[in-house]
């Protein structure tokens, strides 16, 4: 229920000085996309000039904003935007029952999606969107399979200590209730970035798209 609160607590800390803020482009479409590629860092004083048909999503100031052209926009939000972001955190738990389950943290491994996963080499969590029934997860690396029991009612469990997290290694995940085999590779980071913009930039640079989507969804309007 409090998935957005968990994301913010795990991935960012409030910026203590607005003057130090920066913004990072995470998505861009349209005629100006080449000028604002994903991962591009912008100073807080920068302006983003967009043409008709442009759409650019930036993370900065603990929020994610999608800017649409034509127009010229500030890259980073100011004090008012920070206050709005802080206010939103208090409302994140008010999700209606029956809404689609969302990953509570970008640092959880979503066992239903393939792709590159950014990790710190420390203990990680595994997450599944449907947690009503008990299940069994099989993690295969280099032909060796490890089986993990997933209790009913639990959406997250620890990544098994018997399976080391290694840079670039390939892991295949098979959840008993799922029909597709998922393949992931780890990109090991030295530490989890403390600020939203740095987190977004690291996820873009290492190709951790699934985690970036989770972060942007939590920070967005």
C-alpha atoms as a PDB file:
ATOM      1  CA  UNK A   1       0.000   0.000   0.000  1.00  0.00           C
ATOM      2  CA  UNK A   2       2.838   2.411   0.787  1.00  0.00           C
ATOM      3  CA  UNK A   3       4.932   1.555  -2.262  1.00  0.00           C
ATOM      4  CA  UNK A   4       5.748   5.161  -3.134  1.00  0.00           C
ATOM      5  CA  UNK A   5       6.871   5.951   0.404  1.00  0.00           C
ATOM      6  CA  UNK A   6       9.208   2.962   0.264  1.00  0.00           C
ATOM      7  CA  UNK A   7      10.656   4.098  -3.041  1.00  0.00           C
ATOM      8  CA  UNK A   8      11.391   7.584  -1.796  1.00  0.00           C
ATOM      9  CA  UNK A   9      12.908   6.316   1.435  1.00  0.00           C
ATOM     10  CA  UNK A  10      15.110   3.809  -0.378  1.00  0.00           C
ATOM     11  CA  UNK A  11      16.229   5.886  -3.329  1.00  0.00           C
ATOM     12  CA  UNK A  12      16.439   9.553  -2.298  1.00  0.00           C
ATOM     13  CA  UNK A  13      16.867  12.051   0.501  1.00  0.00           C
ATOM     14  CA  UNK A  14      15.479  15.582   0.504  1.00  0.00           C
ATOM     15  CA  UNK A  15      17.913  18.037  -1.051  1.00  0.00           C
ATOM     16  CA  UNK A  16      19.041  20.380   1.792  1.00  0.00           C
ATOM     17  CA  UNK A  17      19.910  23.294  -0.492  1.00  0.00           C
ATOM     18  CA  UNK A  18      17.864  24.118  -3.569  1.00  0.00           C
ATOM     19  CA  UNK A  19      20.855  25.919  -5.084  1.00  0.00           C
ATOM     20  CA  UNK A  20      22.674  22.597  -5.338  1.00  0.00           C
ATOM     21  CA  UNK A  21      19.861  20.936  -7.259  1.00  0.00           C
ATOM     22  CA  UNK A  22      20.345  19.439 -10.679  1.00  0.00           C
ATOM     23  CA  UNK A  23      18.110  17.657 -13.116  1.00  0.00           C
ATOM     24  CA  UNK A  24      18.662  14.563 -15.235  1.00  0.00           C
ATOM     25  CA  UNK A  25      16.827  13.742 -18.440  1.00  0.00           C
ATOM     26  CA  UNK A  26      15.306  10.248 -18.306  1.00  0.00           C
ATOM     27  CA  UNK A  27      13.036  10.243 -21.380  1.00  0.00           C
ATOM     28  CA  UNK A  28      12.861  12.350 -24.532  1.00  0.00           C
ATOM     29  CA  UNK A  29      10.759  12.263 -27.674  1.00  0.00           C
ATOM     30  CA  UNK A  30      10.288  14.592 -30.607  1.00  0.00           C
ATOM     31  CA  UNK A  31      12.396  16.961 -32.719  1.00  0.00           C
ATOM     32  CA  UNK A  32      14.637  18.011 -29.812  1.00  0.00           C
ATOM     33  CA  UNK A  33      15.317  14.502 -28.487  1.00  0.00           C
ATOM     34  CA  UNK A  34      18.939  14.547 -29.677  1.00  0.00           C
ATOM     35  CA  UNK A  35      19.597  17.671 -27.621  1.00  0.00           C
ATOM     36  CA  UNK A  36      18.223  16.035 -24.466  1.00  0.00           C
ATOM     37  CA  UNK A  37      19.293  12.362 -24.491  1.00  0.00           C
ATOM     38  CA  UNK A  38      18.457  10.175 -21.451  1.00  0.00           C
ATOM     39  CA  UNK A  39      21.156  10.519 -18.813  1.00  0.00           C
ATOM     40  CA  UNK A  40      22.026  14.122 -19.658  1.00  0.00           C
ATOM     41  CA  UNK A  41      22.614  16.196 -16.510  1.00  0.00           C
ATOM     42  CA  UNK A  42      21.496  19.811 -16.454  1.00  0.00           C
ATOM     43  CA  UNK A  43      22.398  22.547 -13.992  1.00  0.00           C
ATOM     44  CA  UNK A  44      19.577  23.855 -11.869  1.00  0.00           C
ATOM     45  CA  UNK A  45      19.795  27.180 -13.700  1.00  0.00           C
ATOM     46  CA  UNK A  46      19.521  25.609 -17.159  1.00  0.00           C
ATOM     47  CA  UNK A  47      16.549  26.144 -19.435  1.00  0.00           C
ATOM     48  CA  UNK A  48      15.006  23.437 -21.608  1.00  0.00           C
ATOM     49  CA  UNK A  49      13.779  24.735 -24.973  1.00  0.00           C
ATOM     50  CA  UNK A  50      11.234  22.492 -26.659  1.00  0.00           C
ATOM     51  CA  UNK A  51       9.530  22.576 -30.030  1.00  0.00           C
ATOM     52  CA  UNK A  52       6.056  21.475 -30.976  1.00  0.00           C
ATOM     53  CA  UNK A  53       5.823  17.692 -30.527  1.00  0.00           C
ATOM     54  CA  UNK A  54       8.652  17.502 -27.982  1.00  0.00           C
ATOM     55  CA  UNK A  55       8.259  15.631 -24.696  1.00  0.00           C
ATOM     56  CA  UNK A  56      11.066  15.482 -22.119  1.00  0.00           C
ATOM     57  CA  UNK A  57      10.903  13.888 -18.665  1.00  0.00           C
ATOM     58  CA  UNK A  58      13.385  15.152 -16.101  1.00  0.00           C
ATOM     59  CA  UNK A  59      14.142  14.041 -12.548  1.00  0.00           C
ATOM     60  CA  UNK A  60      15.334  16.700 -10.142  1.00  0.00           C
ATOM     61  CA  UNK A  61      14.414  18.230  -6.809  1.00  0.00           C
ATOM     62  CA  UNK A  62      12.909  14.908  -5.679  1.00  0.00           C
ATOM     63  CA  UNK A  63      10.256  14.953  -8.386  1.00  0.00           C
ATOM     64  CA  UNK A  64       9.784  13.828 -11.973  1.00  0.00           C
ATOM     65  CA  UNK A  65       8.263  16.225 -14.489  1.00  0.00           C
ATOM     66  CA  UNK A  66       7.263  15.696 -18.087  1.00  0.00           C
ATOM     67  CA  UNK A  67       7.675  18.879 -20.127  1.00  0.00           C
ATOM     68  CA  UNK A  68       5.870  19.261 -23.439  1.00  0.00           C
ATOM     69  CA  UNK A  69       6.652  21.795 -26.139  1.00  0.00           C
ATOM     70  CA  UNK A  70       6.546  24.295 -27.445  1.00  0.00           C
ATOM     71  CA  UNK A  71       8.091  26.415 -24.717  1.00  0.00           C
ATOM     72  CA  UNK A  72      11.094  27.070 -22.498  1.00  0.00           C
ATOM     73  CA  UNK A  73      11.160  25.485 -19.045  1.00  0.00           C
ATOM     74  CA  UNK A  74      13.480  25.501 -15.994  1.00  0.00           C
ATOM     75  CA  UNK A  75      15.453  22.259 -15.746  1.00  0.00           C
ATOM     76  CA  UNK A  76      15.182  21.948 -11.961  1.00  0.00           C
ATOM     77  CA  UNK A  77      12.240  22.772  -9.736  1.00  0.00           C
ATOM     78  CA  UNK A  78      12.475  25.393  -7.041  1.00  0.00           C
ATOM     79  CA  UNK A  79      11.418  25.548  -3.406  1.00  0.00           C
ATOM     80  CA  UNK A  80       7.724  25.375  -4.272  1.00  0.00           C
ATOM     81  CA  UNK A  81       8.240  22.130  -6.199  1.00  0.00           C
ATOM     82  CA  UNK A  82      10.204  20.613  -3.301  1.00  0.00           C
ATOM     83  CA  UNK A  83       7.343  21.473  -0.968  1.00  0.00           C
ATOM     84  CA  UNK A  84       4.865  19.865  -3.375  1.00  0.00           C
ATOM     85  CA  UNK A  85       7.004  16.716  -3.546  1.00  0.00           C
ATOM     86  CA  UNK A  86       7.139  16.510   0.242  1.00  0.00           C
ATOM     87  CA  UNK A  87       3.378  16.991   0.410  1.00  0.00           C
ATOM     88  CA  UNK A  88       2.808  14.203  -2.117  1.00  0.00           C
ATOM     89  CA  UNK A  89       4.725  11.756   0.060  1.00  0.00           C
ATOM     90  CA  UNK A  90       2.070  12.107   2.737  1.00  0.00           C
ATOM     91  CA  UNK A  91      -0.587  11.066   0.232  1.00  0.00           C
ATOM     92  CA  UNK A  92       1.248   8.136  -1.349  1.00  0.00           C
ATOM     93  CA  UNK A  93      -0.362   5.585   0.974  1.00  0.00           C
ATOM     94  CA  UNK A  94      -3.882   6.526  -0.041  1.00  0.00           C
ATOM     95  CA  UNK A  95      -4.140   4.076  -2.942  1.00  0.00           C
ATOM     96  CA  UNK A  96      -7.514   2.570  -3.687  1.00  0.00           C
ATOM     97  CA  UNK A  97      -7.944  -1.128  -3.062  1.00  0.00           C
ATOM     98  CA  UNK A  98      -7.893  -3.133  -6.266  1.00  0.00           C
ATOM     99  CA  UNK A  99      -5.260  -0.999  -7.994  1.00  0.00           C
ATOM    100  CA  UNK A 100      -2.464  -2.835  -9.792  1.00  0.00           C
ATOM    101  CA  UNK A 101       0.315  -3.792  -7.386  1.00  0.00           C
ATOM    102  CA  UNK A 102       3.450  -1.750  -7.879  1.00  0.00           C
ATOM    103  CA  UNK A 103       7.028  -2.558  -6.985  1.00  0.00           C
ATOM    104  CA  UNK A 104       7.670  -0.826  -3.603  1.00  0.00           C
ATOM    105  CA  UNK A 105      11.321  -0.022  -4.378  1.00  0.00           C
ATOM    106  CA  UNK A 106      13.496   0.370  -7.471  1.00  0.00           C
ATOM    107  CA  UNK A 107      16.083  -1.735  -5.629  1.00  0.00           C
ATOM    108  CA  UNK A 108      13.836  -4.819  -5.589  1.00  0.00           C
ATOM    109  CA  UNK A 109      14.317  -7.394  -8.339  1.00  0.00           C
ATOM    110  CA  UNK A 110      11.015  -7.741 -10.211  1.00  0.00           C
ATOM    111  CA  UNK A 111      10.897 -11.467 -11.017  1.00  0.00           C
ATOM    112  CA  UNK A 112       8.368 -10.888 -13.808  1.00  0.00           C
ATOM    113  CA  UNK A 113      10.676  -8.719 -15.952  1.00  0.00           C
ATOM    114  CA  UNK A 114      13.879  -9.376 -17.868  1.00  0.00           C
ATOM    115  CA  UNK A 115      16.632  -6.801 -18.181  1.00  0.00           C
ATOM    116  CA  UNK A 116      19.610  -5.270 -16.422  1.00  0.00           C
ATOM    117  CA  UNK A 117      19.285  -4.788 -12.664  1.00  0.00           C
ATOM    118  CA  UNK A 118      21.372  -2.218 -10.795  1.00  0.00           C
ATOM    119  CA  UNK A 119      22.553  -3.549  -7.429  1.00  0.00           C
ATOM    120  CA  UNK A 120      25.131  -2.699  -4.787  1.00  0.00           C
ATOM    121  CA  UNK A 121      26.375  -6.258  -4.312  1.00  0.00           C
ATOM    122  CA  UNK A 122      24.668  -6.409  -0.930  1.00  0.00           C
ATOM    123  CA  UNK A 123      21.432  -8.117   0.086  1.00  0.00           C
ATOM    124  CA  UNK A 124      18.592  -7.428  -2.314  1.00  0.00           C
ATOM    125  CA  UNK A 125      14.906  -8.207  -2.286  1.00  0.00           C
ATOM    126  CA  UNK A 126      12.908 -10.183  -4.813  1.00  0.00           C
ATOM    127  CA  UNK A 127       9.428  -8.873  -5.634  1.00  0.00           C
ATOM    128  CA  UNK A 128       6.341 -10.346  -7.303  1.00  0.00           C
ATOM    129  CA  UNK A 129       3.131  -8.429  -8.159  1.00  0.00           C
ATOM    130  CA  UNK A 130       0.782 -11.264  -7.111  1.00  0.00           C
ATOM    131  CA  UNK A 131       1.373 -12.541  -3.593  1.00  0.00           C
ATOM    132  CA  UNK A 132      -1.860 -14.319  -2.634  1.00  0.00           C
ATOM    133  CA  UNK A 133      -0.650 -17.882  -3.119  1.00  0.00           C
ATOM    134  CA  UNK A 134       2.569 -19.638  -2.139  1.00  0.00           C
ATOM    135  CA  UNK A 135       4.974 -20.250  -5.003  1.00  0.00           C
ATOM    136  CA  UNK A 136       8.474 -21.444  -5.790  1.00  0.00           C
ATOM    137  CA  UNK A 137      11.139 -19.424  -7.536  1.00  0.00           C
ATOM    138  CA  UNK A 138      13.987 -21.065  -9.422  1.00  0.00           C
ATOM    139  CA  UNK A 139      17.149 -19.034 -10.038  1.00  0.00           C
ATOM    140  CA  UNK A 140      19.580 -20.564 -12.534  1.00  0.00           C
ATOM    141  CA  UNK A 141      23.153 -19.399 -13.097  1.00  0.00           C
ATOM    142  CA  UNK A 142      25.729 -21.263 -15.179  1.00  0.00           C
ATOM    143  CA  UNK A 143      23.435 -24.281 -15.300  1.00  0.00           C
ATOM    144  CA  UNK A 144      23.143 -24.500 -11.507  1.00  0.00           C
ATOM    145  CA  UNK A 145      19.607 -24.049 -10.136  1.00  0.00           C
ATOM    146  CA  UNK A 146      18.627 -22.739  -6.711  1.00  0.00           C
ATOM    147  CA  UNK A 147      15.044 -23.181  -5.543  1.00  0.00           C
ATOM    148  CA  UNK A 148      13.440 -20.642  -3.203  1.00  0.00           C
ATOM    149  CA  UNK A 149      10.101 -21.112  -1.428  1.00  0.00           C
ATOM    150  CA  UNK A 150       7.900 -18.015  -1.616  1.00  0.00           C
ATOM    151  CA  UNK A 151       5.308 -17.982   1.198  1.00  0.00           C
ATOM    152  CA  UNK A 152       1.710 -16.984   0.610  1.00  0.00           C
ATOM    153  CA  UNK A 153       0.926 -13.377   1.439  1.00  0.00           C
ATOM    154  CA  UNK A 154       4.486 -12.120   0.915  1.00  0.00           C
ATOM    155  CA  UNK A 155       5.307  -9.914  -2.051  1.00  0.00           C
ATOM    156  CA  UNK A 156       9.022  -9.634  -1.216  1.00  0.00           C
ATOM    157  CA  UNK A 157      11.656 -12.095  -0.034  1.00  0.00           C
ATOM    158  CA  UNK A 158      15.429 -11.883   0.303  1.00  0.00           C
ATOM    159  CA  UNK A 159      17.666 -12.709  -2.636  1.00  0.00           C
ATOM    160  CA  UNK A 160      19.171 -16.091  -1.620  1.00  0.00           C
ATOM    161  CA  UNK A 161      22.640 -15.828  -0.073  1.00  0.00           C
ATOM    162  CA  UNK A 162      23.598 -19.046  -1.897  1.00  0.00           C
ATOM    163  CA  UNK A 163      23.461 -17.171  -5.227  1.00  0.00           C
ATOM    164  CA  UNK A 164      26.183 -14.479  -5.380  1.00  0.00           C
ATOM    165  CA  UNK A 165      25.364 -11.232  -7.159  1.00  0.00           C
ATOM    166  CA  UNK A 166      28.060 -10.755  -9.805  1.00  0.00           C
ATOM    167  CA  UNK A 167      28.667  -8.005 -12.347  1.00  0.00           C
ATOM    168  CA  UNK A 168      27.483  -8.991 -15.809  1.00  0.00           C
ATOM    169  CA  UNK A 169      26.514 -12.543 -14.844  1.00  0.00           C
ATOM    170  CA  UNK A 170      23.339 -13.993 -16.351  1.00  0.00           C
ATOM    171  CA  UNK A 171      20.544 -15.288 -14.134  1.00  0.00           C
ATOM    172  CA  UNK A 172      17.336 -16.971 -15.245  1.00  0.00           C
ATOM    173  CA  UNK A 173      14.285 -16.570 -13.023  1.00  0.00           C
ATOM    174  CA  UNK A 174      11.307 -18.900 -13.192  1.00  0.00           C
ATOM    175  CA  UNK A 175       8.340 -18.295 -10.909  1.00  0.00           C
ATOM    176  CA  UNK A 176       6.199 -21.413 -10.752  1.00  0.00           C
ATOM    177  CA  UNK A 177       3.013 -19.489 -11.429  1.00  0.00           C
ATOM    178  CA  UNK A 178       4.506 -17.557 -14.365  1.00  0.00           C
ATOM    179  CA  UNK A 179       4.480 -18.710 -17.972  1.00  0.00           C
ATOM    180  CA  UNK A 180       7.666 -16.971 -19.108  1.00  0.00           C
ATOM    181  CA  UNK A 181      11.305 -17.381 -18.126  1.00  0.00           C
ATOM    182  CA  UNK A 182      12.958 -14.062 -17.240  1.00  0.00           C
ATOM    183  CA  UNK A 183      16.645 -13.317 -17.789  1.00  0.00           C
ATOM    184  CA  UNK A 184      18.497 -10.642 -15.827  1.00  0.00           C
ATOM    185  CA  UNK A 185      22.051  -9.310 -15.617  1.00  0.00           C
ATOM    186  CA  UNK A 186      23.423  -7.282 -12.718  1.00  0.00           C
ATOM    187  CA  UNK A 187      25.231  -3.951 -12.933  1.00  0.00           C
ATOM    188  CA  UNK A 188      26.935  -3.547  -9.549  1.00  0.00           C
ATOM    189  CA  UNK A 189      27.068   0.005  -8.177  1.00  0.00           C
ATOM    190  CA  UNK A 190      29.473   1.116  -5.418  1.00  0.00           C
ATOM    191  CA  UNK A 191      26.533   2.474  -3.387  1.00  0.00           C
ATOM    192  CA  UNK A 192      22.914   3.579  -3.724  1.00  0.00           C
ATOM    193  CA  UNK A 193      22.921   7.282  -4.694  1.00  0.00           C
ATOM    194  CA  UNK A 194      21.474   9.590  -2.045  1.00  0.00           C
ATOM    195  CA  UNK A 195      19.627  11.986  -4.357  1.00  0.00           C
ATOM    196  CA  UNK A 196      16.919  11.460  -6.961  1.00  0.00           C
ATOM    197  CA  UNK A 197      18.824  12.950  -9.886  1.00  0.00           C
ATOM    198  CA  UNK A 198      21.941  10.895  -9.141  1.00  0.00           C
ATOM    199  CA  UNK A 199      19.825   7.759  -8.799  1.00  0.00           C
ATOM    200  CA  UNK A 200      18.122   8.381 -12.140  1.00  0.00           C
ATOM    201  CA  UNK A 201      21.442   9.090 -13.848  1.00  0.00           C
ATOM    202  CA  UNK A 202      23.005   5.863 -12.553  1.00  0.00           C
ATOM    203  CA  UNK A 203      20.001   3.809 -13.684  1.00  0.00           C
ATOM    204  CA  UNK A 204      20.100   5.359 -17.164  1.00  0.00           C
ATOM    205  CA  UNK A 205      23.859   4.914 -17.549  1.00  0.00           C
ATOM    206  CA  UNK A 206      23.707   1.220 -16.635  1.00  0.00           C
ATOM    207  CA  UNK A 207      20.563   0.460 -18.660  1.00  0.00           C
ATOM    208  CA  UNK A 208      18.411  -0.423 -15.638  1.00  0.00           C
ATOM    209  CA  UNK A 209      15.192   0.610 -17.366  1.00  0.00           C
ATOM    210  CA  UNK A 210      12.727  -1.320 -15.198  1.00  0.00           C
ATOM    211  CA  UNK A 211      14.082   0.311 -12.046  1.00  0.00           C
ATOM    212  CA  UNK A 212      14.062   3.728 -13.687  1.00  0.00           C
ATOM    213  CA  UNK A 213      10.371   3.296 -14.540  1.00  0.00           C
ATOM    214  CA  UNK A 214       9.606   2.481 -10.894  1.00  0.00           C
ATOM    215  CA  UNK A 215      11.521   5.544  -9.671  1.00  0.00           C
ATOM    216  CA  UNK A 216       9.902   7.920 -12.160  1.00  0.00           C
ATOM    217  CA  UNK A 217       6.408   6.595 -11.362  1.00  0.00           C
ATOM    218  CA  UNK A 218       6.975   7.277  -7.670  1.00  0.00           C
ATOM    219  CA  UNK A 219       8.350  10.767  -8.172  1.00  0.00           C
ATOM    220  CA  UNK A 220       5.880  11.863 -10.835  1.00  0.00           C
ATOM    221  CA  UNK A 221       2.652  13.733 -10.458  1.00  0.00           C
END
